[in-house]
Amino acid sequence: KFVIVVVDSTDRERISVTKEELYKMLAHEALKKAGLLIFANKQDVKECMTVAEISQFLKLTSIKDHQWHIQACCALTGEG
């Protein structure tokens, strides 16, 4: 099982909601052993949050019970 989350890298206001929902999902019994893939979308937009910023804000390094990966991407170009 995997949890796949797409983050809008330009939306600094809603990243806190993403964080809250992410940790709710990871705490769910059915997802106890699920891997986590985060797509940091819109990396082509100026002033977007970097993968490092998103990772830091979501506190991904504190996630110890799930394997996780964060991937920069751009849906318009297919990059990432």
PDB file of N, CA and C in Angstrom:
ATOM      1  N   LYS A   1       0.835  -1.184   0.000  1.00  0.00           N
ATOM      2  CA  LYS A   1       0.000   0.000   0.000  1.00  0.00           C
ATOM      3  C   LYS A   1       0.872   1.236   0.000  1.00  0.00           C
ATOM      4  N   PHE A   2       0.383   2.242  -0.696  1.00  0.00           N
ATOM      5  CA  PHE A   2       1.069   3.527  -0.754  1.00  0.00           C
ATOM      6  C   PHE A   2       0.080   4.662  -0.559  1.00  0.00           C
ATOM      7  N   VAL A   3       0.569   5.720   0.040  1.00  0.00           N
ATOM      8  CA  VAL A   3      -0.161   6.974   0.104  1.00  0.00           C
ATOM      9  C   VAL A   3       0.572   7.908  -0.855  1.00  0.00           C
ATOM     10  N   ILE A   4      -0.160   8.470  -1.809  1.00  0.00           N
ATOM     11  CA  ILE A   4       0.427   9.414  -2.755  1.00  0.00           C
ATOM     12  C   ILE A   4      -0.232  10.768  -2.532  1.00  0.00           C
ATOM     13  N   VAL A   5       0.595  11.768  -2.288  1.00  0.00           N
ATOM     14  CA  VAL A   5       0.110  13.117  -2.014  1.00  0.00           C
ATOM     15  C   VAL A   5       0.740  14.062  -3.035  1.00  0.00           C
ATOM     16  N   VAL A   6      -0.081  14.888  -3.652  1.00  0.00           N
ATOM     17  CA  VAL A   6       0.418  15.909  -4.575  1.00  0.00           C
ATOM     18  C   VAL A   6       0.305  17.256  -3.872  1.00  0.00           C
ATOM     19  N   VAL A   7       1.441  17.917  -3.730  1.00  0.00           N
ATOM     20  CA  VAL A   7       1.495  19.212  -3.055  1.00  0.00           C
ATOM     21  C   VAL A   7       1.646  20.310  -4.103  1.00  0.00           C
ATOM     22  N   ASP A   8       0.834  21.339  -4.005  1.00  0.00           N
ATOM     23  CA  ASP A   8       0.976  22.526  -4.845  1.00  0.00           C
ATOM     24  C   ASP A   8       2.105  23.358  -4.239  1.00  0.00           C
ATOM     25  N   SER A   9       3.252  23.336  -4.872  1.00  0.00           N
ATOM     26  CA  SER A   9       4.437  24.003  -4.326  1.00  0.00           C
ATOM     27  C   SER A   9       4.321  25.519  -4.276  1.00  0.00           C
ATOM     28  N   THR A  10       3.294  26.064  -4.903  1.00  0.00           N
ATOM     29  CA  THR A  10       3.103  27.519  -4.884  1.00  0.00           C
ATOM     30  C   THR A  10       2.154  27.966  -3.781  1.00  0.00           C
ATOM     31  N   ASP A  11       1.494  27.029  -3.133  1.00  0.00           N
ATOM     32  CA  ASP A  11       0.444  27.370  -2.163  1.00  0.00           C
ATOM     33  C   ASP A  11       0.962  27.281  -0.728  1.00  0.00           C
ATOM     34  N   ARG A  12       1.606  28.339  -0.295  1.00  0.00           N
ATOM     35  CA  ARG A  12       2.174  28.373   1.056  1.00  0.00           C
ATOM     36  C   ARG A  12       1.096  28.449   2.138  1.00  0.00           C
ATOM     37  N   GLU A  13      -0.059  28.964   1.782  1.00  0.00           N
ATOM     38  CA  GLU A  13      -1.132  29.117   2.766  1.00  0.00           C
ATOM     39  C   GLU A  13      -1.768  27.785   3.146  1.00  0.00           C
ATOM     40  N   ARG A  14      -1.822  26.838   2.225  1.00  0.00           N
ATOM     41  CA  ARG A  14      -2.525  25.583   2.498  1.00  0.00           C
ATOM     42  C   ARG A  14      -1.602  24.423   2.855  1.00  0.00           C
ATOM     43  N   ILE A  15      -0.296  24.667   2.916  1.00  0.00           N
ATOM     44  CA  ILE A  15       0.633  23.583   3.240  1.00  0.00           C
ATOM     45  C   ILE A  15       0.383  23.065   4.659  1.00  0.00           C
ATOM     46  N   SER A  16      -0.099  23.923   5.547  1.00  0.00           N
ATOM     47  CA  SER A  16      -0.392  23.477   6.914  1.00  0.00           C
ATOM     48  C   SER A  16      -1.566  22.499   6.924  1.00  0.00           C
ATOM     49  N   VAL A  17      -2.544  22.714   6.044  1.00  0.00           N
ATOM     50  CA  VAL A  17      -3.670  21.785   5.922  1.00  0.00           C
ATOM     51  C   VAL A  17      -3.170  20.448   5.379  1.00  0.00           C
ATOM     52  N   THR A  18      -2.271  20.507   4.414  1.00  0.00           N
ATOM     53  CA  THR A  18      -1.684  19.287   3.852  1.00  0.00           C
ATOM     54  C   THR A  18      -0.976  18.494   4.940  1.00  0.00           C
ATOM     55  N   LYS A  19      -0.211  19.186   5.761  1.00  0.00           N
ATOM     56  CA  LYS A  19       0.515  18.524   6.851  1.00  0.00           C
ATOM     57  C   LYS A  19      -0.454  17.837   7.811  1.00  0.00           C
ATOM     58  N   GLU A  20      -1.480  18.548   8.203  1.00  0.00           N
ATOM     59  CA  GLU A  20      -2.475  18.001   9.132  1.00  0.00           C
ATOM     60  C   GLU A  20      -3.142  16.751   8.556  1.00  0.00           C
ATOM     61  N   GLU A  21      -3.566  16.824   7.309  1.00  0.00           N
ATOM     62  CA  GLU A  21      -4.241  15.692   6.669  1.00  0.00           C
ATOM     63  C   GLU A  21      -3.283  14.523   6.451  1.00  0.00           C
ATOM     64  N   LEU A  22      -2.039  14.819   6.112  1.00  0.00           N
ATOM     65  CA  LEU A  22      -1.040  13.770   5.909  1.00  0.00           C
ATOM     66  C   LEU A  22      -0.863  12.937   7.172  1.00  0.00           C
ATOM     67  N   TYR A  23      -0.698  13.590   8.299  1.00  0.00           N
ATOM     68  CA  TYR A  23      -0.479  12.856   9.543  1.00  0.00           C
ATOM     69  C   TYR A  23      -1.734  12.111  10.003  1.00  0.00           C
ATOM     70  N   LYS A  24      -2.904  12.626   9.674  1.00  0.00           N
ATOM     71  CA  LYS A  24      -4.143  11.889   9.960  1.00  0.00           C
ATOM     72  C   LYS A  24      -4.176  10.595   9.158  1.00  0.00           C
ATOM     73  N   MET A  25      -3.827  10.691   7.879  1.00  0.00           N
ATOM     74  CA  MET A  25      -3.823   9.495   7.029  1.00  0.00           C
ATOM     75  C   MET A  25      -2.818   8.466   7.524  1.00  0.00           C
ATOM     76  N   LEU A  26      -1.615   8.917   7.849  1.00  0.00           N
ATOM     77  CA  LEU A  26      -0.571   7.988   8.270  1.00  0.00           C
ATOM     78  C   LEU A  26      -0.895   7.318   9.600  1.00  0.00           C
ATOM     79  N   ALA A  27      -1.729   7.941  10.405  1.00  0.00           N
ATOM     80  CA  ALA A  27      -2.119   7.361  11.692  1.00  0.00           C
ATOM     81  C   ALA A  27      -3.244   6.342  11.558  1.00  0.00           C
ATOM     82  N   HIS A  28      -3.887   6.300  10.401  1.00  0.00           N
ATOM     83  CA  HIS A  28      -5.016   5.393  10.191  1.00  0.00           C
ATOM     84  C   HIS A  28      -4.536   3.941  10.215  1.00  0.00           C
ATOM     85  N   GLU A  29      -5.275   3.088  10.882  1.00  0.00           N
ATOM     86  CA  GLU A  29      -4.910   1.678  11.047  1.00  0.00           C
ATOM     87  C   GLU A  29      -4.648   0.979   9.711  1.00  0.00           C
ATOM     88  N   ALA A  30      -5.452   1.258   8.711  1.00  0.00           N
ATOM     89  CA  ALA A  30      -5.310   0.588   7.414  1.00  0.00           C
ATOM     90  C   ALA A  30      -4.040   1.010   6.670  1.00  0.00           C
ATOM     91  N   LEU A  31      -3.424   2.099   7.101  1.00  0.00           N
ATOM     92  CA  LEU A  31      -2.235   2.603   6.412  1.00  0.00           C
ATOM     93  C   LEU A  31      -0.970   2.503   7.259  1.00  0.00           C
ATOM     94  N   LYS A  32      -1.010   1.694   8.299  1.00  0.00           N
ATOM     95  CA  LYS A  32       0.115   1.591   9.236  1.00  0.00           C
ATOM     96  C   LYS A  32       1.429   1.224   8.555  1.00  0.00           C
ATOM     97  N   LYS A  33       1.371   0.414   7.499  1.00  0.00           N
ATOM     98  CA  LYS A  33       2.593  -0.036   6.832  1.00  0.00           C
ATOM     99  C   LYS A  33       2.738   0.544   5.427  1.00  0.00           C
ATOM    100  N   ALA A  34       1.941   1.536   5.110  1.00  0.00           N
ATOM    101  CA  ALA A  34       1.955   2.113   3.764  1.00  0.00           C
ATOM    102  C   ALA A  34       3.195   2.977   3.544  1.00  0.00           C
ATOM    103  N   GLY A  35       3.720   2.916   2.335  1.00  0.00           N
ATOM    104  CA  GLY A  35       4.779   3.826   1.932  1.00  0.00           C
ATOM    105  C   GLY A  35       4.165   5.173   1.583  1.00  0.00           C
ATOM    106  N   LEU A  36       4.989   6.188   1.511  1.00  0.00           N
ATOM    107  CA  LEU A  36       4.511   7.541   1.246  1.00  0.00           C
ATOM    108  C   LEU A  36       5.299   8.153   0.099  1.00  0.00           C
ATOM    109  N   LEU A  37       4.584   8.622  -0.920  1.00  0.00           N
ATOM    110  CA  LEU A  37       5.194   9.331  -2.040  1.00  0.00           C
ATOM    111  C   LEU A  37       4.555  10.708  -2.129  1.00  0.00           C
ATOM    112  N   ILE A  38       5.383  11.733  -2.078  1.00  0.00           N
ATOM    113  CA  ILE A  38       4.890  13.102  -2.170  1.00  0.00           C
ATOM    114  C   ILE A  38       5.431  13.720  -3.452  1.00  0.00           C
ATOM    115  N   PHE A  39       4.519  14.183  -4.304  1.00  0.00           N
ATOM    116  CA  PHE A  39       4.895  14.911  -5.507  1.00  0.00           C
ATOM    117  C   PHE A  39       4.813  16.402  -5.200  1.00  0.00           C
ATOM    118  N   ALA A  40       5.928  17.092  -5.329  1.00  0.00           N
ATOM    119  CA  ALA A  40       5.972  18.543  -5.144  1.00  0.00           C
ATOM    120  C   ALA A  40       5.755  19.169  -6.518  1.00  0.00           C
ATOM    121  N   ASN A  41       4.503  19.423  -6.854  1.00  0.00           N
ATOM    122  CA  ASN A  41       4.118  19.886  -8.182  1.00  0.00           C
ATOM    123  C   ASN A  41       4.361  21.393  -8.349  1.00  0.00           C
ATOM    124  N   LYS A  42       4.376  21.826  -9.589  1.00  0.00           N
ATOM    125  CA  LYS A  42       4.541  23.230  -9.992  1.00  0.00           C
ATOM    126  C   LYS A  42       5.939  23.758  -9.691  1.00  0.00           C
ATOM    127  N   GLN A  43       6.937  22.890  -9.818  1.00  0.00           N
ATOM    128  CA  GLN A  43       8.309  23.318  -9.581  1.00  0.00           C
ATOM    129  C   GLN A  43       8.820  24.269 -10.659  1.00  0.00           C
ATOM    130  N   ASP A  44       8.054  24.429 -11.731  1.00  0.00           N
ATOM    131  CA  ASP A  44       8.424  25.348 -12.809  1.00  0.00           C
ATOM    132  C   ASP A  44       8.043  26.795 -12.508  1.00  0.00           C
ATOM    133  N   VAL A  45       7.278  27.013 -11.450  1.00  0.00           N
ATOM    134  CA  VAL A  45       6.776  28.352 -11.122  1.00  0.00           C
ATOM    135  C   VAL A  45       7.779  29.080 -10.222  1.00  0.00           C
ATOM    136  N   LYS A  46       8.068  30.339 -10.587  1.00  0.00           N
ATOM    137  CA  LYS A  46       8.968  31.146  -9.757  1.00  0.00           C
ATOM    138  C   LYS A  46       8.400  31.286  -8.353  1.00  0.00           C
ATOM    139  N   GLU A  47       9.296  31.343  -7.395  1.00  0.00           N
ATOM    140  CA  GLU A  47       8.933  31.542  -5.990  1.00  0.00           C
ATOM    141  C   GLU A  47       8.198  30.356  -5.365  1.00  0.00           C
ATOM    142  N   CYS A  48       8.195  29.215  -6.029  1.00  0.00           N
ATOM    143  CA  CYS A  48       7.555  28.044  -5.421  1.00  0.00           C
ATOM    144  C   CYS A  48       8.436  27.517  -4.288  1.00  0.00           C
ATOM    145  N   MET A  49       7.844  26.735  -3.404  1.00  0.00           N
ATOM    146  CA  MET A  49       8.607  26.095  -2.341  1.00  0.00           C
ATOM    147  C   MET A  49       9.455  24.991  -2.959  1.00  0.00           C
ATOM    148  N   THR A  50      10.673  24.862  -2.497  1.00  0.00           N
ATOM    149  CA  THR A  50      11.539  23.794  -2.978  1.00  0.00           C
ATOM    150  C   THR A  50      11.159  22.483  -2.294  1.00  0.00           C
ATOM    151  N   VAL A  51      11.691  21.392  -2.818  1.00  0.00           N
ATOM    152  CA  VAL A  51      11.471  20.089  -2.190  1.00  0.00           C
ATOM    153  C   VAL A  51      11.977  20.118  -0.747  1.00  0.00           C
ATOM    154  N   ALA A  52      13.118  20.749  -0.528  1.00  0.00           N
ATOM    155  CA  ALA A  52      13.681  20.834   0.824  1.00  0.00           C
ATOM    156  C   ALA A  52      12.762  21.613   1.763  1.00  0.00           C
ATOM    157  N   GLU A  53      12.195  22.713   1.279  1.00  0.00           N
ATOM    158  CA  GLU A  53      11.276  23.506   2.105  1.00  0.00           C
ATOM    159  C   GLU A  53      10.025  22.710   2.462  1.00  0.00           C
ATOM    160  N   ILE A  54       9.472  22.024   1.486  1.00  0.00           N
ATOM    161  CA  ILE A  54       8.266  21.225   1.728  1.00  0.00           C
ATOM    162  C   ILE A  54       8.574  20.106   2.711  1.00  0.00           C
ATOM    163  N   SER A  55       9.693  19.435   2.494  1.00  0.00           N
ATOM    164  CA  SER A  55      10.101  18.356   3.393  1.00  0.00           C
ATOM    165  C   SER A  55      10.260  18.861   4.823  1.00  0.00           C
ATOM    166  N   GLN A  56      10.889  20.012   4.968  1.00  0.00           N
ATOM    167  CA  GLN A  56      11.093  20.588   6.296  1.00  0.00           C
ATOM    168  C   GLN A  56       9.762  20.982   6.932  1.00  0.00           C
ATOM    169  N   PHE A  57       8.898  21.630   6.169  1.00  0.00           N
ATOM    170  CA  PHE A  57       7.622  22.068   6.722  1.00  0.00           C
ATOM    171  C   PHE A  57       6.753  20.882   7.131  1.00  0.00           C
ATOM    172  N   LEU A  58       6.750  19.821   6.313  1.00  0.00           N
ATOM    173  CA  LEU A  58       5.945  18.636   6.627  1.00  0.00           C
ATOM    174  C   LEU A  58       6.616  17.736   7.663  1.00  0.00           C
ATOM    175  N   LYS A  59       7.841  18.084   8.043  1.00  0.00           N
ATOM    176  CA  LYS A  59       8.606  17.317   9.033  1.00  0.00           C
ATOM    177  C   LYS A  59       8.738  15.846   8.613  1.00  0.00           C
ATOM    178  N   LEU A  60       9.107  15.651   7.350  1.00  0.00           N
ATOM    179  CA  LEU A  60       9.191  14.295   6.816  1.00  0.00           C
ATOM    180  C   LEU A  60      10.257  13.458   7.516  1.00  0.00           C
ATOM    181  N   THR A  61      11.339  14.079   7.970  1.00  0.00           N
ATOM    182  CA  THR A  61      12.385  13.301   8.638  1.00  0.00           C
ATOM    183  C   THR A  61      11.922  12.724   9.967  1.00  0.00           C
ATOM    184  N   SER A  62      10.812  13.224  10.497  1.00  0.00           N
ATOM    185  CA  SER A  62      10.277  12.672  11.748  1.00  0.00           C
ATOM    186  C   SER A  62       9.428  11.425  11.504  1.00  0.00           C
ATOM    187  N   ILE A  63       9.135  11.127  10.245  1.00  0.00           N
ATOM    188  CA  ILE A  63       8.329   9.946   9.919  1.00  0.00           C
ATOM    189  C   ILE A  63       9.242   8.729   9.921  1.00  0.00           C
ATOM    190  N   LYS A  64       9.100   7.900  10.926  1.00  0.00           N
ATOM    191  CA  LYS A  64       9.981   6.740  11.104  1.00  0.00           C
ATOM    192  C   LYS A  64       9.298   5.417  10.782  1.00  0.00           C
ATOM    193  N   ASP A  65       7.972   5.364  10.834  1.00  0.00           N
ATOM    194  CA  ASP A  65       7.244   4.106  10.644  1.00  0.00           C
ATOM    195  C   ASP A  65       6.836   3.857   9.199  1.00  0.00           C
ATOM    196  N   HIS A  66       7.157   4.783   8.313  1.00  0.00           N
ATOM    197  CA  HIS A  66       6.783   4.659   6.901  1.00  0.00           C
ATOM    198  C   HIS A  66       7.990   5.026   6.044  1.00  0.00           C
ATOM    199  N   GLN A  67       8.212   4.255   4.981  1.00  0.00           N
ATOM    200  CA  GLN A  67       9.206   4.686   4.003  1.00  0.00           C
ATOM    201  C   GLN A  67       8.587   5.830   3.226  1.00  0.00           C
ATOM    202  N   TRP A  68       9.359   6.858   2.928  1.00  0.00           N
ATOM    203  CA  TRP A  68       8.813   7.996   2.206  1.00  0.00           C
ATOM    204  C   TRP A  68       9.816   8.533   1.199  1.00  0.00           C
ATOM    205  N   HIS A  69       9.273   9.210   0.200  1.00  0.00           N
ATOM    206  CA  HIS A  69      10.091   9.867  -0.821  1.00  0.00           C
ATOM    207  C   HIS A  69       9.337  11.105  -1.284  1.00  0.00           C
ATOM    208  N   ILE A  70      10.062  12.190  -1.486  1.00  0.00           N
ATOM    209  CA  ILE A  70       9.464  13.401  -2.039  1.00  0.00           C
ATOM    210  C   ILE A  70      10.116  13.659  -3.390  1.00  0.00           C
ATOM    211  N   GLN A  71       9.290  13.951  -4.394  1.00  0.00           N
ATOM    212  CA  GLN A  71       9.756  14.090  -5.770  1.00  0.00           C
ATOM    213  C   GLN A  71       9.289  15.421  -6.353  1.00  0.00           C
ATOM    214  N   ALA A  72      10.228  16.220  -6.825  1.00  0.00           N
ATOM    215  CA  ALA A  72       9.874  17.452  -7.536  1.00  0.00           C
ATOM    216  C   ALA A  72       9.252  17.073  -8.871  1.00  0.00           C
ATOM    217  N   CYS A  73       8.239  17.818  -9.291  1.00  0.00           N
ATOM    218  CA  CYS A  73       7.613  17.518 -10.578  1.00  0.00           C
ATOM    219  C   CYS A  73       6.913  18.747 -11.141  1.00  0.00           C
ATOM    220  N   CYS A  74       6.539  18.615 -12.402  1.00  0.00           N
ATOM    221  CA  CYS A  74       5.758  19.635 -13.096  1.00  0.00           C
ATOM    222  C   CYS A  74       4.768  18.898 -13.983  1.00  0.00           C
ATOM    223  N   ALA A  75       3.500  18.979 -13.651  1.00  0.00           N
ATOM    224  CA  ALA A  75       2.471  18.258 -14.402  1.00  0.00           C
ATOM    225  C   ALA A  75       2.362  18.765 -15.840  1.00  0.00           C
ATOM    226  N   LEU A  76       2.650  20.033 -16.069  1.00  0.00           N
ATOM    227  CA  LEU A  76       2.532  20.598 -17.418  1.00  0.00           C
ATOM    228  C   LEU A  76       3.564  20.028 -18.386  1.00  0.00           C
ATOM    229  N   THR A  77       4.781  19.816 -17.890  1.00  0.00           N
ATOM    230  CA  THR A  77       5.855  19.330 -18.760  1.00  0.00           C
ATOM    231  C   THR A  77       6.091  17.834 -18.624  1.00  0.00           C
ATOM    232  N   GLY A  78       5.572  17.239 -17.560  1.00  0.00           N
ATOM    233  CA  GLY A  78       5.801  15.823 -17.307  1.00  0.00           C
ATOM    234  C   GLY A  78       7.116  15.555 -16.596  1.00  0.00           C
ATOM    235  N   GLU A  79       7.847  16.595 -16.262  1.00  0.00           N
ATOM    236  CA  GLU A  79       9.121  16.438 -15.568  1.00  0.00           C
ATOM    237  C   GLU A  79       8.900  15.891 -14.167  1.00  0.00           C
ATOM    238  N   GLY A  80       9.761  14.964 -13.776  1.00  0.00           N
ATOM    239  CA  GLY A  80       9.698  14.404 -12.432  1.00  0.00           C
ATOM    240  C   GLY A  80       8.700  13.300 -12.328  1.00  0.00           C
TER     241      GLY A  80
END
